[in-house]
Structures are given as structure tokens and as C-alpha cells.
Amino acid sequence: MFISANSLKEIKEHYSKNLTFYSGTEIKQIVKQLAIKRLNISSSEYILGDTILLSESDILFFNSALKRLKKKEPFQYILGETEFYGLSINIDSRALIPRPETEELVDWLLACLDYETHHKIADLCAGSGCIALAVKAHLNNSDVIALEKEADAIELIRENMVRTEIDIAVKEFDVLDESAYDSFESNSFSCWVSNPPYIPNSDKEGMDKNVMEHEPHLALFVSDSDPIQFYRAISSKALVYLKESGYLFFEIHEQYSYEIINLLEELNFVNIELRKDLQGKPRMLRAQKSNFIP
């Protein structure tokens, strides 16, 4: 046994001693969330629960989680769930962990679309499905489709549909494959949104260990020779499949914001707007399909 007593208090103390690279506040939140999920207790029960006794399997669970944390595996993967825009979703190494700036992107998108109108919306490179599900949760009158290439991620999207009880369409889809778009109807979508791979391979050396060793590289990295290839593919097809004045939303790499703006201008998109995230970094773009394409 890795602790001297089988109480929740002992677990708290053991985690504090062994997770030296986390802050005290972070450790408290980690133990709290693990305990609430594992022991099926409420927040108030946790606060008053130092004397709660753990079974041998509970202790093995906390020991396993601690070993994974010490290897810098993301806590969300260990917990198996995360919060995104008011939804609780499953998350593991099949998809990227949703970031706060992606919630900001969803917030911006929702502010631009009328809730009462029926929209047809696509989330391209959907990953866990977090964007598509959050959008559908607020635009229940609309049709939302999650487009994703990786079979494992598609399975995760379907799990999250069950968990959230939100019904969206899901399609295996490679945005870089021109033929993938053939089933779509021209001028039919109100909005496309995408958080595609955008980190150049050359940036790998500066990435945190927890990202490099645990999050899916296919969802993160692109060639140094063409770091905006996904934006080029999606934007050119958006001209065909968006309605007039339809919206295109992107999460972007801060270093390539003006390259993507130039791309959108060359494609005759209008009302192009760059927004900064809460850290002051340019991370989001919005554009509209022009009513006139020369």
C-alpha cells in the first residue's frame, strides 16, 4: 500500500508531497475532482470527508492516477472528462484537450447567428466534437455536422453525443481531400468553423512534455513548408459551399494571422476580423462570403 492509512485525508497529504511541480491550489483541485468522480460524492461531502475510508481498489485508482500525473500526463485525460462551454464531455488521447480560446471562438460564433433561424453549420477537424456540440446546444433549431478524419476521434464524438444527449451529424472527412466535399450542396451552409492543425513541426522542441507525449500529433502539427495548408483548403471550399454572407470562423496560430488574412482577402472574403484571446494573442478570425464573387 502506498499510503499508511486508507483515508481520503491520507490521499490528500500523499499527493501534496509527491506532485512537487504542481501548485498547492492545483493539487487540491486535482484530488477533489478525482475523489468526487471515483467515490461518487458531492463537493460538500468532499470538504467534510477527510475521514472517508477507501477500499483497496480506490487506493489503487489514486495510486495509478498519481503515477500518470508524475509522468506529466494531462489531468483531463486521467479524469477522462472536461468542461467545455457548459458541457461535460469525455476526453482522452483520441483528441486534443479543448482550450479556453476555443470557448471564446464558440462564443463569438454564437453571437453572430440568430438563434431563431434554421442554420446549417459544419465543424471541420472536429476532434472531440466539443465545438459542434456546444453550437448545437445553443442553436437547437439548426443542423450541425462534425467533420473529422480520424476514426478514433469519430468514436469519441459519438460517445460525447450520448453523454450530452445532443444530436449532431458526424462524417468521416479529410478536409485536404478535394473529393470529400462532393456530397455537399453548393451555397447551403450558414457557417463553417474550424480549429485545424496549425503548429509547425519546427515548434515541437519548445512544446510542453505533457502535450508532446500525450496529445495526438496529427491534430497539432503541420509541415513547416506550408503551415496554413488547412486554412487554404477550407477557405477555398467555403467559397463554394457557404451561402452568400455565410460565416467562416477559424482558430489560428498567432504567428500566421496576417498570412491567413491575406489568403481570405485573395479569395474575396469580406468583413474579415481578427480577435485576440484573453491573453491578448491574435487567435481567432472571422470572415464572410461576399455577395459578389468576380
C-alpha atoms as a PDB file:
ATOM      1  CA  MET A   1       0.000   0.000   0.000  1.00  0.00           C
ATOM      2  CA  PHE A   2       1.425   3.401  -0.957  1.00  0.00           C
ATOM      3  CA  ILE A   3      -0.198   5.235   1.993  1.00  0.00           C
ATOM      4  CA  SER A   4      -0.146   4.454   5.721  1.00  0.00           C
ATOM      5  CA  ALA A   5      -3.922   4.724   6.195  1.00  0.00           C
ATOM      6  CA  ASN A   6      -6.865   4.231   3.881  1.00  0.00           C
ATOM      7  CA  SER A   7      -8.479   7.645   4.411  1.00  0.00           C
ATOM      8  CA  LEU A   8      -9.154  10.455   1.981  1.00  0.00           C
ATOM      9  CA  LYS A   9      -7.083  12.755   4.199  1.00  0.00           C
ATOM     10  CA  GLU A  10      -4.079  10.487   3.677  1.00  0.00           C
ATOM     11  CA  ILE A  11      -4.548  10.683  -0.106  1.00  0.00           C
ATOM     12  CA  LYS A  12      -4.595  14.483   0.011  1.00  0.00           C
ATOM     13  CA  GLU A  13      -1.359  14.572   2.010  1.00  0.00           C
ATOM     14  CA  HIS A  14       0.338  11.989  -0.212  1.00  0.00           C
ATOM     15  CA  TYR A  15      -0.491  13.902  -3.388  1.00  0.00           C
ATOM     16  CA  SER A  16       0.798  17.150  -1.846  1.00  0.00           C
ATOM     17  CA  LYS A  17       4.128  15.519  -1.028  1.00  0.00           C
ATOM     18  CA  ASN A  18       4.592  13.874  -4.418  1.00  0.00           C
ATOM     19  CA  LEU A  19       3.317  16.372  -7.004  1.00  0.00           C
ATOM     20  CA  THR A  20       6.010  18.947  -6.444  1.00  0.00           C
ATOM     21  CA  PHE A  21       5.725  20.515  -9.920  1.00  0.00           C
ATOM     22  CA  TYR A  22       2.066  21.493  -9.315  1.00  0.00           C
ATOM     23  CA  SER A  23       0.968  24.406  -7.158  1.00  0.00           C
ATOM     24  CA  GLY A  24      -0.852  23.718  -3.920  1.00  0.00           C
ATOM     25  CA  THR A  25      -4.085  25.034  -5.420  1.00  0.00           C
ATOM     26  CA  GLU A  26      -3.724  22.773  -8.469  1.00  0.00           C
ATOM     27  CA  ILE A  27      -3.122  19.709  -6.286  1.00  0.00           C
ATOM     28  CA  LYS A  28      -6.227  20.444  -4.227  1.00  0.00           C
ATOM     29  CA  GLN A  29      -8.342  20.692  -7.383  1.00  0.00           C
ATOM     30  CA  ILE A  30      -6.844  17.505  -8.833  1.00  0.00           C
ATOM     31  CA  VAL A  31      -7.551  15.443  -5.708  1.00  0.00           C
ATOM     32  CA  LYS A  32     -11.015  16.960  -5.352  1.00  0.00           C
ATOM     33  CA  GLN A  33     -12.069  16.116  -8.906  1.00  0.00           C
ATOM     34  CA  LEU A  34     -10.607  12.615  -8.753  1.00  0.00           C
ATOM     35  CA  ALA A  35     -12.312  11.921  -5.415  1.00  0.00           C
ATOM     36  CA  ILE A  36     -15.695  13.270  -6.496  1.00  0.00           C
ATOM     37  CA  LYS A  37     -15.669  11.118  -9.604  1.00  0.00           C
ATOM     38  CA  ARG A  38     -14.190   7.959  -8.072  1.00  0.00           C
ATOM     39  CA  LEU A  39     -16.114   7.996  -4.785  1.00  0.00           C
ATOM     40  CA  ASN A  40     -19.327   9.438  -6.244  1.00  0.00           C
ATOM     41  CA  ILE A  41     -19.544  12.168  -3.628  1.00  0.00           C
ATOM     42  CA  SER A  42     -20.598  15.816  -3.759  1.00  0.00           C
ATOM     43  CA  SER A  43     -18.337  18.847  -3.294  1.00  0.00           C
ATOM     44  CA  SER A  44     -19.670  19.391   0.221  1.00  0.00           C
ATOM     45  CA  GLU A  45     -19.133  15.737   1.099  1.00  0.00           C
ATOM     46  CA  TYR A  46     -15.567  16.058  -0.155  1.00  0.00           C
ATOM     47  CA  ILE A  47     -14.886  19.132   2.011  1.00  0.00           C
ATOM     48  CA  LEU A  48     -16.079  17.277   5.104  1.00  0.00           C
ATOM     49  CA  GLY A  49     -14.763  13.913   4.001  1.00  0.00           C
ATOM     50  CA  ASP A  50     -11.242  13.568   5.397  1.00  0.00           C
ATOM     51  CA  THR A  51     -12.341  10.519   7.378  1.00  0.00           C
ATOM     52  CA  ILE A  52     -13.920   8.762   4.380  1.00  0.00           C
ATOM     53  CA  LEU A  53     -12.380   5.290   4.189  1.00  0.00           C
ATOM     54  CA  LEU A  54     -11.201   3.950   0.837  1.00  0.00           C
ATOM     55  CA  SER A  55     -11.362   0.422  -0.495  1.00  0.00           C
ATOM     56  CA  GLU A  56      -8.274  -1.303  -1.826  1.00  0.00           C
ATOM     57  CA  SER A  57      -9.455  -0.675  -5.393  1.00  0.00           C
ATOM     58  CA  ASP A  58      -9.949   3.036  -4.579  1.00  0.00           C
ATOM     59  CA  ILE A  59      -6.389   3.245  -3.305  1.00  0.00           C
ATOM     60  CA  LEU A  60      -5.087   1.520  -6.435  1.00  0.00           C
ATOM     61  CA  PHE A  61      -7.034   4.056  -8.520  1.00  0.00           C
ATOM     62  CA  PHE A  62      -5.447   7.041  -6.738  1.00  0.00           C
ATOM     63  CA  ASN A  63      -2.011   5.418  -6.946  1.00  0.00           C
ATOM     64  CA  SER A  64      -2.382   4.843 -10.697  1.00  0.00           C
ATOM     65  CA  ALA A  65      -3.553   8.431 -11.230  1.00  0.00           C
ATOM     66  CA  LEU A  66      -0.582   9.737  -9.252  1.00  0.00           C
ATOM     67  CA  LYS A  67       1.881   7.747 -11.378  1.00  0.00           C
ATOM     68  CA  ARG A  68       0.326   9.168 -14.546  1.00  0.00           C
ATOM     69  CA  LEU A  69       0.416  12.715 -13.171  1.00  0.00           C
ATOM     70  CA  LYS A  70       4.097  12.323 -12.282  1.00  0.00           C
ATOM     71  CA  LYS A  71       4.719  11.445 -15.938  1.00  0.00           C
ATOM     72  CA  LYS A  72       3.012  14.757 -16.797  1.00  0.00           C
ATOM     73  CA  GLU A  73       0.049  13.161 -18.484  1.00  0.00           C
ATOM     74  CA  PRO A  74      -2.685  15.816 -18.773  1.00  0.00           C
ATOM     75  CA  PHE A  75      -5.066  15.673 -15.850  1.00  0.00           C
ATOM     76  CA  GLN A  76      -8.099  15.822 -18.161  1.00  0.00           C
ATOM     77  CA  TYR A  77      -7.034  12.542 -19.779  1.00  0.00           C
ATOM     78  CA  ILE A  78      -6.623  10.889 -16.383  1.00  0.00           C
ATOM     79  CA  LEU A  79     -10.018  12.125 -15.220  1.00  0.00           C
ATOM     80  CA  GLY A  80     -11.476  11.156 -18.590  1.00  0.00           C
ATOM     81  CA  GLU A  81     -13.636  14.251 -18.875  1.00  0.00           C
ATOM     82  CA  THR A  82     -13.513  18.013 -19.104  1.00  0.00           C
ATOM     83  CA  GLU A  83     -15.826  21.022 -19.185  1.00  0.00           C
ATOM     84  CA  PHE A  84     -16.371  22.942 -22.416  1.00  0.00           C
ATOM     85  CA  TYR A  85     -18.777  25.840 -22.829  1.00  0.00           C
ATOM     86  CA  GLY A  86     -21.110  24.493 -20.166  1.00  0.00           C
ATOM     87  CA  LEU A  87     -20.926  20.883 -21.353  1.00  0.00           C
ATOM     88  CA  SER A  88     -19.240  17.975 -19.610  1.00  0.00           C
ATOM     89  CA  ILE A  89     -17.602  15.799 -22.272  1.00  0.00           C
ATOM     90  CA  ASN A  90     -15.415  12.717 -22.448  1.00  0.00           C
ATOM     91  CA  ILE A  91     -11.803  13.444 -23.344  1.00  0.00           C
ATOM     92  CA  ASP A  92      -8.740  11.254 -23.769  1.00  0.00           C
ATOM     93  CA  SER A  93      -5.754  10.867 -26.072  1.00  0.00           C
ATOM     94  CA  ARG A  94      -8.025  10.359 -29.095  1.00  0.00           C
ATOM     95  CA  ALA A  95      -8.447  14.143 -29.344  1.00  0.00           C
ATOM     96  CA  LEU A  96      -6.943  17.428 -28.201  1.00  0.00           C
ATOM     97  CA  ILE A  97      -7.972  18.838 -24.853  1.00  0.00           C
ATOM     98  CA  PRO A  98     -10.256  21.826 -25.533  1.00  0.00           C
ATOM     99  CA  ARG A  99      -8.615  25.135 -24.658  1.00  0.00           C
ATOM    100  CA  PRO A 100     -10.240  28.329 -23.304  1.00  0.00           C
ATOM    101  CA  GLU A 101      -9.626  30.183 -26.583  1.00  0.00           C
ATOM    102  CA  THR A 102     -11.794  27.611 -28.358  1.00  0.00           C
ATOM    103  CA  GLU A 103     -14.629  28.517 -25.989  1.00  0.00           C
ATOM    104  CA  GLU A 104     -14.059  32.147 -26.971  1.00  0.00           C
ATOM    105  CA  LEU A 105     -14.369  31.159 -30.635  1.00  0.00           C
ATOM    106  CA  VAL A 106     -17.697  29.415 -29.951  1.00  0.00           C
ATOM    107  CA  ASP A 107     -18.921  32.454 -28.044  1.00  0.00           C
ATOM    108  CA  TRP A 108     -18.099  34.714 -30.990  1.00  0.00           C
ATOM    109  CA  LEU A 109     -19.816  32.384 -33.461  1.00  0.00           C
ATOM    110  CA  LEU A 110     -22.987  32.203 -31.388  1.00  0.00           C
ATOM    111  CA  ALA A 111     -23.099  35.984 -31.093  1.00  0.00           C
ATOM    112  CA  CYS A 112     -23.212  36.249 -34.898  1.00  0.00           C
ATOM    113  CA  LEU A 113     -26.037  33.807 -35.617  1.00  0.00           C
ATOM    114  CA  ASP A 114     -29.741  34.291 -34.948  1.00  0.00           C
ATOM    115  CA  TYR A 115     -30.940  31.648 -32.515  1.00  0.00           C
ATOM    116  CA  GLU A 116     -34.414  31.505 -34.074  1.00  0.00           C
ATOM    117  CA  THR A 117     -33.206  30.897 -37.636  1.00  0.00           C
ATOM    118  CA  HIS A 118     -32.522  27.439 -39.027  1.00  0.00           C
ATOM    119  CA  HIS A 119     -28.822  27.235 -39.868  1.00  0.00           C
ATOM    120  CA  LYS A 120     -26.680  24.572 -41.460  1.00  0.00           C
ATOM    121  CA  ILE A 121     -23.291  24.572 -39.718  1.00  0.00           C
ATOM    122  CA  ALA A 122     -20.135  22.479 -40.173  1.00  0.00           C
ATOM    123  CA  ASP A 123     -17.296  21.959 -37.696  1.00  0.00           C
ATOM    124  CA  LEU A 124     -14.259  20.880 -39.722  1.00  0.00           C
ATOM    125  CA  CYS A 125     -11.429  18.971 -37.976  1.00  0.00           C
ATOM    126  CA  ALA A 126     -13.895  18.371 -35.161  1.00  0.00           C
ATOM    127  CA  GLY A 127     -11.688  16.355 -32.766  1.00  0.00           C
ATOM    128  CA  SER A 128     -13.744  15.577 -29.649  1.00  0.00           C
ATOM    129  CA  GLY A 129     -16.769  17.286 -31.186  1.00  0.00           C
ATOM    130  CA  CYS A 130     -16.724  19.972 -28.498  1.00  0.00           C
ATOM    131  CA  ILE A 131     -17.370  22.883 -30.888  1.00  0.00           C
ATOM    132  CA  ALA A 132     -20.163  21.160 -32.812  1.00  0.00           C
ATOM    133  CA  LEU A 133     -21.888  20.006 -29.623  1.00  0.00           C
ATOM    134  CA  ALA A 134     -21.644  23.413 -27.940  1.00  0.00           C
ATOM    135  CA  VAL A 135     -23.023  25.143 -31.025  1.00  0.00           C
ATOM    136  CA  LYS A 136     -25.915  22.673 -31.328  1.00  0.00           C
ATOM    137  CA  ALA A 137     -26.699  23.055 -27.616  1.00  0.00           C
ATOM    138  CA  HIS A 138     -27.392  26.752 -28.189  1.00  0.00           C
ATOM    139  CA  LEU A 139     -28.751  26.596 -31.746  1.00  0.00           C
ATOM    140  CA  ASN A 140     -31.066  23.655 -31.292  1.00  0.00           C
ATOM    141  CA  ASN A 141     -33.119  24.661 -34.334  1.00  0.00           C
ATOM    142  CA  SER A 142     -30.090  24.221 -36.616  1.00  0.00           C
ATOM    143  CA  ASP A 143     -28.378  21.304 -38.327  1.00  0.00           C
ATOM    144  CA  VAL A 144     -24.790  20.813 -37.165  1.00  0.00           C
ATOM    145  CA  ILE A 145     -22.310  18.357 -38.661  1.00  0.00           C
ATOM    146  CA  ALA A 146     -18.940  17.357 -37.201  1.00  0.00           C
ATOM    147  CA  LEU A 147     -16.365  16.504 -39.872  1.00  0.00           C
ATOM    148  CA  GLU A 148     -13.351  14.502 -38.695  1.00  0.00           C
ATOM    149  CA  LYS A 149     -10.730  12.335 -40.392  1.00  0.00           C
ATOM    150  CA  GLU A 150      -9.588  10.059 -37.553  1.00  0.00           C
ATOM    151  CA  ALA A 151     -11.747   7.035 -36.704  1.00  0.00           C
ATOM    152  CA  ASP A 152     -10.784   7.141 -33.004  1.00  0.00           C
ATOM    153  CA  ALA A 153     -11.876  10.770 -32.735  1.00  0.00           C
ATOM    154  CA  ILE A 154     -15.154   9.986 -34.521  1.00  0.00           C
ATOM    155  CA  GLU A 155     -15.817   7.310 -31.907  1.00  0.00           C
ATOM    156  CA  LEU A 156     -15.168   9.902 -29.183  1.00  0.00           C
ATOM    157  CA  ILE A 157     -17.591  12.356 -30.827  1.00  0.00           C
ATOM    158  CA  ARG A 158     -20.292   9.694 -30.803  1.00  0.00           C
ATOM    159  CA  GLU A 159     -19.616   8.990 -27.117  1.00  0.00           C
ATOM    160  CA  ASN A 160     -20.000  12.687 -26.388  1.00  0.00           C
ATOM    161  CA  MET A 161     -23.280  12.819 -28.275  1.00  0.00           C
ATOM    162  CA  VAL A 162     -24.584  10.115 -25.938  1.00  0.00           C
ATOM    163  CA  ARG A 163     -23.136  11.785 -22.853  1.00  0.00           C
ATOM    164  CA  THR A 164     -24.526  15.234 -23.633  1.00  0.00           C
ATOM    165  CA  GLU A 165     -27.753  13.942 -25.221  1.00  0.00           C
ATOM    166  CA  ILE A 166     -27.108  16.342 -28.124  1.00  0.00           C
ATOM    167  CA  ASP A 167     -27.831  15.103 -31.630  1.00  0.00           C
ATOM    168  CA  ILE A 168     -25.451  16.174 -34.380  1.00  0.00           C
ATOM    169  CA  ALA A 169     -24.401  14.569 -37.651  1.00  0.00           C
ATOM    170  CA  VAL A 170     -20.918  13.027 -37.834  1.00  0.00           C
ATOM    171  CA  LYS A 171     -18.980  12.284 -41.010  1.00  0.00           C
ATOM    172  CA  GLU A 172     -15.545  10.817 -41.693  1.00  0.00           C
ATOM    173  CA  PHE A 173     -13.932  13.617 -43.623  1.00  0.00           C
ATOM    174  CA  ASP A 174     -10.452  14.710 -44.746  1.00  0.00           C
ATOM    175  CA  VAL A 175     -10.512  18.464 -45.368  1.00  0.00           C
ATOM    176  CA  LEU A 176      -7.406  18.181 -47.579  1.00  0.00           C
ATOM    177  CA  ASP A 177      -9.152  15.717 -49.907  1.00  0.00           C
ATOM    178  CA  GLU A 178     -10.958  17.669 -52.644  1.00  0.00           C
ATOM    179  CA  SER A 179     -13.375  14.830 -53.339  1.00  0.00           C
ATOM    180  CA  ALA A 180     -14.562  14.770 -49.715  1.00  0.00           C
ATOM    181  CA  TYR A 181     -16.706  17.845 -50.346  1.00  0.00           C
ATOM    182  CA  ASP A 182     -18.596  16.337 -53.303  1.00  0.00           C
ATOM    183  CA  SER A 183     -21.594  15.269 -51.205  1.00  0.00           C
ATOM    184  CA  PHE A 184     -22.282  18.853 -50.102  1.00  0.00           C
ATOM    185  CA  GLU A 185     -24.772  21.128 -51.786  1.00  0.00           C
ATOM    186  CA  SER A 186     -23.386  24.420 -53.111  1.00  0.00           C
ATOM    187  CA  ASN A 187     -24.357  27.612 -51.258  1.00  0.00           C
ATOM    188  CA  SER A 188     -26.030  25.620 -48.475  1.00  0.00           C
ATOM    189  CA  PHE A 189     -24.123  26.327 -45.237  1.00  0.00           C
ATOM    190  CA  SER A 190     -24.690  29.329 -42.976  1.00  0.00           C
ATOM    191  CA  CYS A 191     -21.384  28.835 -41.176  1.00  0.00           C
ATOM    192  CA  TRP A 192     -18.169  26.822 -41.176  1.00  0.00           C
ATOM    193  CA  VAL A 193     -15.942  26.732 -38.104  1.00  0.00           C
ATOM    194  CA  SER A 194     -12.573  25.047 -37.694  1.00  0.00           C
ATOM    195  CA  ASN A 195      -9.748  24.610 -35.240  1.00  0.00           C
ATOM    196  CA  PRO A 196      -7.408  22.700 -37.578  1.00  0.00           C
ATOM    197  CA  PRO A 197      -3.787  21.599 -37.059  1.00  0.00           C
ATOM    198  CA  TYR A 198      -1.619  24.722 -37.212  1.00  0.00           C
ATOM    199  CA  ILE A 199       1.618  24.253 -35.235  1.00  0.00           C
ATOM    200  CA  PRO A 200       4.703  23.946 -37.477  1.00  0.00           C
ATOM    201  CA  ASN A 201       6.849  20.867 -36.904  1.00  0.00           C
ATOM    202  CA  SER A 202       9.743  23.173 -36.076  1.00  0.00           C
ATOM    203  CA  ASP A 203       7.905  24.307 -32.928  1.00  0.00           C
ATOM    204  CA  LYS A 204       7.973  20.831 -31.401  1.00  0.00           C
ATOM    205  CA  GLU A 205      11.155  21.440 -29.415  1.00  0.00           C
ATOM    206  CA  GLY A 206       9.523  24.232 -27.441  1.00  0.00           C
ATOM    207  CA  MET A 207       6.329  22.340 -26.625  1.00  0.00           C
ATOM    208  CA  ASP A 208       5.485  21.135 -23.115  1.00  0.00           C
ATOM    209  CA  LYS A 209       6.195  17.487 -22.361  1.00  0.00           C
ATOM    210  CA  ASN A 210       2.565  16.800 -21.421  1.00  0.00           C
ATOM    211  CA  VAL A 211       1.474  17.909 -24.909  1.00  0.00           C
ATOM    212  CA  MET A 212       4.247  16.201 -26.871  1.00  0.00           C
ATOM    213  CA  GLU A 213       3.973  12.832 -25.135  1.00  0.00           C
ATOM    214  CA  HIS A 214       0.212  12.559 -24.787  1.00  0.00           C
ATOM    215  CA  GLU A 215      -1.875  14.695 -27.174  1.00  0.00           C
ATOM    216  CA  PRO A 216      -2.402  13.468 -30.783  1.00  0.00           C
ATOM    217  CA  HIS A 217       0.243  14.928 -33.103  1.00  0.00           C
ATOM    218  CA  LEU A 218      -1.965  14.661 -36.184  1.00  0.00           C
ATOM    219  CA  ALA A 219      -4.315  17.201 -34.612  1.00  0.00           C
ATOM    220  CA  LEU A 220      -1.475  19.568 -33.734  1.00  0.00           C
ATOM    221  CA  PHE A 221       1.297  19.732 -36.299  1.00  0.00           C
ATOM    222  CA  VAL A 222       1.674  20.782 -39.915  1.00  0.00           C
ATOM    223  CA  SER A 223       4.533  20.997 -42.383  1.00  0.00           C
ATOM    224  CA  ASP A 224       6.966  23.896 -41.985  1.00  0.00           C
ATOM    225  CA  SER A 225       6.769  24.443 -45.738  1.00  0.00           C
ATOM    226  CA  ASP A 226       3.022  25.195 -45.687  1.00  0.00           C
ATOM    227  CA  PRO A 227       1.746  25.880 -42.167  1.00  0.00           C
ATOM    228  CA  ILE A 228      -1.590  27.308 -43.394  1.00  0.00           C
ATOM    229  CA  GLN A 229      -2.467  24.423 -45.721  1.00  0.00           C
ATOM    230  CA  PHE A 230      -5.631  23.557 -43.788  1.00  0.00           C
ATOM    231  CA  TYR A 231      -6.843  27.156 -43.893  1.00  0.00           C
ATOM    232  CA  ARG A 232      -6.233  27.321 -47.633  1.00  0.00           C
ATOM    233  CA  ALA A 233      -8.159  24.104 -48.287  1.00  0.00           C
ATOM    234  CA  ILE A 234     -11.094  25.023 -46.061  1.00  0.00           C
ATOM    235  CA  SER A 235     -11.343  28.633 -47.242  1.00  0.00           C
ATOM    236  CA  SER A 236     -11.316  27.772 -50.943  1.00  0.00           C
ATOM    237  CA  LYS A 237     -14.106  25.229 -50.450  1.00  0.00           C
ATOM    238  CA  ALA A 238     -16.069  27.610 -48.233  1.00  0.00           C
ATOM    239  CA  LEU A 239     -16.470  29.862 -51.272  1.00  0.00           C
ATOM    240  CA  VAL A 240     -18.433  27.073 -52.942  1.00  0.00           C
ATOM    241  CA  TYR A 241     -20.488  25.730 -50.068  1.00  0.00           C
ATOM    242  CA  LEU A 242     -21.265  28.741 -47.865  1.00  0.00           C
ATOM    243  CA  LYS A 243     -24.356  30.786 -48.575  1.00  0.00           C
ATOM    244  CA  GLU A 244     -23.898  34.416 -49.583  1.00  0.00           C
ATOM    245  CA  SER A 245     -22.770  36.286 -46.444  1.00  0.00           C
ATOM    246  CA  GLY A 246     -22.142  32.943 -44.757  1.00  0.00           C
ATOM    247  CA  TYR A 247     -19.601  32.981 -41.935  1.00  0.00           C
ATOM    248  CA  LEU A 248     -16.194  31.338 -41.727  1.00  0.00           C
ATOM    249  CA  PHE A 249     -14.619  31.086 -38.256  1.00  0.00           C
ATOM    250  CA  PHE A 250     -11.080  29.920 -37.529  1.00  0.00           C
ATOM    251  CA  GLU A 251      -8.900  29.361 -34.505  1.00  0.00           C
ATOM    252  CA  ILE A 252      -5.382  30.235 -35.646  1.00  0.00           C
ATOM    253  CA  HIS A 253      -1.699  30.291 -34.761  1.00  0.00           C
ATOM    254  CA  GLU A 254      -0.848  33.796 -33.597  1.00  0.00           C
ATOM    255  CA  GLN A 255       2.227  33.938 -35.860  1.00  0.00           C
ATOM    256  CA  TYR A 256       0.249  33.304 -39.050  1.00  0.00           C
ATOM    257  CA  SER A 257      -2.699  35.638 -38.550  1.00  0.00           C
ATOM    258  CA  TYR A 258      -1.775  38.039 -41.340  1.00  0.00           C
ATOM    259  CA  GLU A 259      -0.934  35.246 -43.779  1.00  0.00           C
ATOM    260  CA  ILE A 260      -4.424  33.843 -43.270  1.00  0.00           C
ATOM    261  CA  ILE A 261      -5.981  37.301 -43.581  1.00  0.00           C
ATOM    262  CA  ASN A 262      -4.147  37.782 -46.882  1.00  0.00           C
ATOM    263  CA  LEU A 263      -5.413  34.397 -48.047  1.00  0.00           C
ATOM    264  CA  LEU A 264      -9.006  35.341 -47.215  1.00  0.00           C
ATOM    265  CA  GLU A 265      -8.641  38.687 -48.966  1.00  0.00           C
ATOM    266  CA  GLU A 266      -7.277  37.000 -52.085  1.00  0.00           C
ATOM    267  CA  LEU A 267     -10.332  34.742 -52.069  1.00  0.00           C
ATOM    268  CA  ASN A 268     -12.588  37.813 -51.865  1.00  0.00           C
ATOM    269  CA  PHE A 269     -13.957  37.174 -48.396  1.00  0.00           C
ATOM    270  CA  VAL A 270     -15.290  40.322 -46.737  1.00  0.00           C
ATOM    271  CA  ASN A 271     -15.750  41.677 -43.208  1.00  0.00           C
ATOM    272  CA  ILE A 272     -12.568  39.920 -42.133  1.00  0.00           C
ATOM    273  CA  GLU A 273     -11.952  40.415 -38.422  1.00  0.00           C
ATOM    274  CA  LEU A 274      -9.055  39.281 -36.226  1.00  0.00           C
ATOM    275  CA  ARG A 275      -9.638  38.885 -32.499  1.00  0.00           C
ATOM    276  CA  LYS A 276      -7.298  38.415 -29.585  1.00  0.00           C
ATOM    277  CA  ASP A 277      -7.864  35.854 -26.852  1.00  0.00           C
ATOM    278  CA  LEU A 278      -7.966  36.679 -23.143  1.00  0.00           C
ATOM    279  CA  GLN A 279      -4.148  36.581 -23.092  1.00  0.00           C
ATOM    280  CA  GLY A 280      -4.008  39.299 -25.739  1.00  0.00           C
ATOM    281  CA  LYS A 281      -2.825  36.982 -28.551  1.00  0.00           C
ATOM    282  CA  PRO A 282      -4.406  37.096 -32.038  1.00  0.00           C
ATOM    283  CA  ARG A 283      -6.027  33.656 -32.094  1.00  0.00           C
ATOM    284  CA  MET A 284      -9.380  33.927 -33.885  1.00  0.00           C
ATOM    285  CA  LEU A 285     -10.576  35.030 -37.304  1.00  0.00           C
ATOM    286  CA  ARG A 286     -13.999  35.639 -38.765  1.00  0.00           C
ATOM    287  CA  ALA A 287     -14.864  36.328 -42.411  1.00  0.00           C
ATOM    288  CA  GLN A 288     -17.936  36.328 -44.624  1.00  0.00           C
ATOM    289  CA  LYS A 289     -18.501  35.088 -48.111  1.00  0.00           C
ATOM    290  CA  SER A 290     -19.027  38.042 -50.410  1.00  0.00           C
ATOM    291  CA  ASN A 291     -22.359  38.546 -52.149  1.00  0.00           C
ATOM    292  CA  PHE A 292     -20.345  39.146 -55.283  1.00  0.00           C
ATOM    293  CA  ILE A 293     -17.625  36.767 -56.431  1.00  0.00           C
ATOM    294  CA  PRO A 294     -15.850  38.148 -59.543  1.00  0.00           C
END
